[in-house]
Amino acid sequence: MNQIRNRSRQGLRDWMESTTNVTLFTEWASFEDSHTLKVGNQRIIGKQIYINTGTRPLAPPIEGLEKVPWMDSAGLLDLEKLP
């Protein structure tokens, strides 16, 4: 499963980097207004801005979570047998 996931992630990145009129930024960004995006120290202005944020698992801030067995999507994909 991890091989499939990692191959898919790299394939998407390769496709975006090789596509004409697509610029891939891998930094934190924030909107300054509806047509201006600040990425790192750069400002990007455009009629349309597409953002692919990707996903990563995050443990919610639940008191006592560290005391119980829990699993996120990454841990689930790392399992070698069904739970």
N, C-alpha and C. Protein backbone atom coordinates (compact mmCIF):
# COMPACT_ATOMS: atom_id res chain seq x y z
N MET A 1 0.82 -1.18 0.00
CA MET A 1 0.00 0.00 0.00
C MET A 1 0.87 1.25 0.00
N ASN A 2 1.93 1.26 0.81
CA ASN A 2 2.80 2.43 0.84
C ASN A 2 3.49 2.65 -0.49
N GLN A 3 3.85 1.58 -1.19
CA GLN A 3 4.46 1.72 -2.52
C GLN A 3 3.49 2.39 -3.48
N ILE A 4 2.24 1.99 -3.45
CA ILE A 4 1.22 2.59 -4.31
C ILE A 4 1.04 4.06 -3.95
N ARG A 5 0.91 4.34 -2.66
CA ARG A 5 0.71 5.71 -2.19
C ARG A 5 1.89 6.60 -2.58
N ASN A 6 3.11 6.13 -2.34
CA ASN A 6 4.30 6.94 -2.66
C ASN A 6 4.48 7.12 -4.15
N ARG A 7 4.19 6.08 -4.94
CA ARG A 7 4.31 6.19 -6.40
C ARG A 7 3.29 7.18 -6.93
N SER A 8 2.09 7.17 -6.37
CA SER A 8 1.05 8.11 -6.80
C SER A 8 1.45 9.54 -6.47
N ARG A 9 1.98 9.76 -5.28
CA ARG A 9 2.41 11.10 -4.86
C ARG A 9 3.51 11.62 -5.78
N GLN A 10 4.51 10.78 -6.05
CA GLN A 10 5.63 11.20 -6.91
C GLN A 10 5.16 11.41 -8.34
N GLY A 11 4.23 10.57 -8.81
CA GLY A 11 3.70 10.72 -10.16
C GLY A 11 2.97 12.04 -10.33
N LEU A 12 2.19 12.44 -9.33
CA LEU A 12 1.48 13.72 -9.39
C LEU A 12 2.48 14.87 -9.42
N ARG A 13 3.50 14.80 -8.60
CA ARG A 13 4.51 15.85 -8.55
C ARG A 13 5.25 15.94 -9.89
N ASP A 14 5.65 14.80 -10.45
CA ASP A 14 6.34 14.79 -11.74
C ASP A 14 5.47 15.39 -12.83
N TRP A 15 4.18 15.03 -12.82
CA TRP A 15 3.26 15.54 -13.83
C TRP A 15 3.14 17.07 -13.72
N MET A 16 2.97 17.58 -12.49
CA MET A 16 2.82 19.02 -12.31
C MET A 16 4.09 19.76 -12.72
N GLU A 17 5.25 19.22 -12.39
CA GLU A 17 6.51 19.89 -12.73
C GLU A 17 6.78 19.90 -14.23
N SER A 18 6.19 18.95 -14.97
CA SER A 18 6.44 18.88 -16.40
C SER A 18 5.32 19.50 -17.25
N THR A 19 4.29 20.00 -16.62
CA THR A 19 3.15 20.56 -17.34
C THR A 19 3.38 22.04 -17.64
N THR A 20 3.14 22.41 -18.90
CA THR A 20 3.26 23.80 -19.32
C THR A 20 2.27 24.66 -18.55
N ASN A 21 2.68 25.86 -18.19
CA ASN A 21 1.84 26.83 -17.48
C ASN A 21 1.45 26.40 -16.07
N VAL A 22 2.19 25.45 -15.49
CA VAL A 22 1.98 25.05 -14.10
C VAL A 22 3.28 25.29 -13.35
N THR A 23 3.18 26.00 -12.24
CA THR A 23 4.34 26.23 -11.38
C THR A 23 4.04 25.60 -10.03
N LEU A 24 4.90 24.72 -9.59
CA LEU A 24 4.71 24.01 -8.33
C LEU A 24 5.50 24.72 -7.23
N PHE A 25 4.81 25.13 -6.18
CA PHE A 25 5.45 25.72 -5.01
C PHE A 25 5.25 24.76 -3.85
N THR A 26 6.28 24.55 -3.07
CA THR A 26 6.17 23.64 -1.92
C THR A 26 6.51 24.38 -0.64
N GLU A 27 5.86 25.51 -0.46
CA GLU A 27 6.07 26.34 0.72
C GLU A 27 4.72 26.69 1.34
N TRP A 28 4.76 27.23 2.55
CA TRP A 28 3.55 27.73 3.17
C TRP A 28 3.05 28.94 2.38
N ALA A 29 1.74 29.09 2.31
CA ALA A 29 1.15 30.19 1.56
C ALA A 29 -0.08 30.72 2.29
N SER A 30 -0.45 31.95 1.93
CA SER A 30 -1.68 32.52 2.47
C SER A 30 -2.24 33.52 1.46
N PHE A 31 -3.56 33.63 1.43
CA PHE A 31 -4.20 34.60 0.54
C PHE A 31 -4.10 35.99 1.15
N GLU A 32 -3.73 36.95 0.32
CA GLU A 32 -3.76 38.35 0.73
C GLU A 32 -5.07 38.99 0.31
N ASP A 33 -5.63 38.54 -0.81
CA ASP A 33 -6.96 38.93 -1.25
C ASP A 33 -7.43 37.83 -2.21
N SER A 34 -8.54 38.05 -2.89
CA SER A 34 -9.12 36.98 -3.71
C SER A 34 -8.30 36.60 -4.93
N HIS A 35 -7.31 37.41 -5.30
CA HIS A 35 -6.49 37.09 -6.47
C HIS A 35 -5.00 37.15 -6.19
N THR A 36 -4.62 37.28 -4.92
CA THR A 36 -3.20 37.39 -4.57
C THR A 36 -2.86 36.37 -3.50
N LEU A 37 -1.83 35.61 -3.77
CA LEU A 37 -1.36 34.58 -2.86
C LEU A 37 0.08 34.88 -2.49
N LYS A 38 0.40 34.88 -1.22
CA LYS A 38 1.77 35.06 -0.79
C LYS A 38 2.35 33.68 -0.50
N VAL A 39 3.41 33.34 -1.24
CA VAL A 39 4.08 32.04 -1.11
C VAL A 39 5.53 32.32 -0.73
N GLY A 40 5.90 31.99 0.51
CA GLY A 40 7.24 32.35 0.95
C GLY A 40 7.37 33.86 0.90
N ASN A 41 8.36 34.35 0.18
CA ASN A 41 8.56 35.80 0.01
C ASN A 41 7.99 36.32 -1.31
N GLN A 42 7.32 35.46 -2.08
CA GLN A 42 6.79 35.86 -3.39
C GLN A 42 5.29 36.15 -3.29
N ARG A 43 4.83 37.04 -4.15
CA ARG A 43 3.40 37.29 -4.30
C ARG A 43 2.99 36.80 -5.68
N ILE A 44 1.95 36.03 -5.72
CA ILE A 44 1.44 35.48 -6.98
C ILE A 44 0.05 36.07 -7.20
N ILE A 45 -0.15 36.67 -8.36
CA ILE A 45 -1.43 37.27 -8.70
C ILE A 45 -1.99 36.51 -9.90
N GLY A 46 -3.24 36.13 -9.82
CA GLY A 46 -3.84 35.41 -10.94
C GLY A 46 -5.35 35.44 -10.88
N LYS A 47 -5.95 35.29 -12.04
CA LYS A 47 -7.41 35.23 -12.12
C LYS A 47 -7.91 33.96 -11.43
N GLN A 48 -7.17 32.86 -11.64
CA GLN A 48 -7.51 31.59 -11.00
C GLN A 48 -6.25 31.03 -10.35
N ILE A 49 -6.36 30.62 -9.10
CA ILE A 49 -5.26 30.00 -8.38
C ILE A 49 -5.75 28.66 -7.86
N TYR A 50 -5.05 27.59 -8.20
CA TYR A 50 -5.42 26.25 -7.77
C TYR A 50 -4.45 25.78 -6.70
N ILE A 51 -5.00 25.28 -5.63
CA ILE A 51 -4.17 24.84 -4.51
C ILE A 51 -4.43 23.37 -4.25
N ASN A 52 -3.36 22.58 -4.28
CA ASN A 52 -3.43 21.18 -3.90
C ASN A 52 -2.64 21.05 -2.62
N THR A 53 -3.34 21.00 -1.50
CA THR A 53 -2.67 21.00 -0.21
C THR A 53 -2.11 19.65 0.17
N GLY A 54 -2.60 18.58 -0.46
CA GLY A 54 -2.16 17.26 -0.02
C GLY A 54 -2.74 16.97 1.36
N THR A 55 -2.39 15.84 1.90
CA THR A 55 -2.90 15.48 3.23
C THR A 55 -1.82 14.77 4.02
N ARG A 56 -1.89 14.94 5.30
CA ARG A 56 -1.05 14.22 6.25
C ARG A 56 -1.89 13.98 7.49
N PRO A 57 -1.73 12.82 8.10
CA PRO A 57 -2.51 12.57 9.31
C PRO A 57 -2.06 13.48 10.46
N LEU A 58 -2.99 13.83 11.32
CA LEU A 58 -2.71 14.68 12.46
C LEU A 58 -3.51 14.17 13.64
N ALA A 59 -2.85 13.95 14.75
CA ALA A 59 -3.56 13.51 15.96
C ALA A 59 -4.33 14.70 16.53
N PRO A 60 -5.62 14.53 16.77
CA PRO A 60 -6.39 15.63 17.33
C PRO A 60 -5.99 15.88 18.78
N PRO A 61 -6.14 17.10 19.27
CA PRO A 61 -5.75 17.40 20.65
C PRO A 61 -6.78 16.88 21.65
N ILE A 62 -6.78 15.57 21.86
CA ILE A 62 -7.72 14.94 22.78
C ILE A 62 -6.96 14.53 24.04
N GLU A 63 -7.41 15.02 25.17
CA GLU A 63 -6.75 14.69 26.43
C GLU A 63 -6.77 13.17 26.66
N GLY A 64 -5.63 12.60 26.95
CA GLY A 64 -5.51 11.17 27.23
C GLY A 64 -5.27 10.31 26.00
N LEU A 65 -5.24 10.90 24.82
CA LEU A 65 -5.06 10.12 23.60
C LEU A 65 -3.79 9.28 23.65
N GLU A 66 -2.72 9.84 24.23
CA GLU A 66 -1.46 9.13 24.28
C GLU A 66 -1.52 7.89 25.18
N LYS A 67 -2.58 7.75 25.96
CA LYS A 67 -2.70 6.62 26.89
C LYS A 67 -3.47 5.45 26.31
N VAL A 68 -4.03 5.61 25.13
CA VAL A 68 -4.83 4.53 24.53
C VAL A 68 -4.29 4.18 23.15
N PRO A 69 -4.50 2.94 22.70
CA PRO A 69 -4.08 2.61 21.33
C PRO A 69 -4.99 3.31 20.33
N TRP A 70 -4.42 4.01 19.39
CA TRP A 70 -5.18 4.70 18.35
C TRP A 70 -4.42 4.59 17.05
N MET A 71 -5.10 4.85 15.97
CA MET A 71 -4.47 4.69 14.66
C MET A 71 -4.95 5.79 13.74
N ASP A 72 -4.01 6.35 12.97
CA ASP A 72 -4.38 7.31 11.93
C ASP A 72 -4.26 6.60 10.58
N SER A 73 -4.49 7.34 9.51
CA SER A 73 -4.48 6.71 8.18
C SER A 73 -3.10 6.17 7.81
N ALA A 74 -2.03 6.83 8.24
CA ALA A 74 -0.68 6.33 7.93
C ALA A 74 -0.43 5.03 8.67
N GLY A 75 -0.81 4.97 9.94
CA GLY A 75 -0.63 3.74 10.71
C GLY A 75 -1.45 2.60 10.13
N LEU A 76 -2.65 2.90 9.69
CA LEU A 76 -3.50 1.89 9.07
C LEU A 76 -2.84 1.31 7.83
N LEU A 77 -2.26 2.16 7.00
CA LEU A 77 -1.61 1.68 5.77
C LEU A 77 -0.31 0.93 6.05
N ASP A 78 0.26 1.11 7.25
CA ASP A 78 1.48 0.41 7.61
C ASP A 78 1.23 -1.00 8.15
N LEU A 79 -0.03 -1.33 8.43
CA LEU A 79 -0.34 -2.65 8.98
C LEU A 79 0.04 -3.74 7.97
N GLU A 80 0.57 -4.82 8.50
CA GLU A 80 0.91 -5.96 7.64
C GLU A 80 -0.17 -7.02 7.61
N LYS A 81 -1.14 -6.95 8.55
CA LYS A 81 -2.29 -7.86 8.50
C LYS A 81 -3.51 -7.10 8.98
N LEU A 82 -4.68 -7.60 8.63
CA LEU A 82 -5.91 -6.93 8.98
C LEU A 82 -6.09 -6.88 10.48
N PRO A 83 -6.61 -5.79 11.02
CA PRO A 83 -6.83 -5.71 12.48
C PRO A 83 -7.97 -6.61 12.91
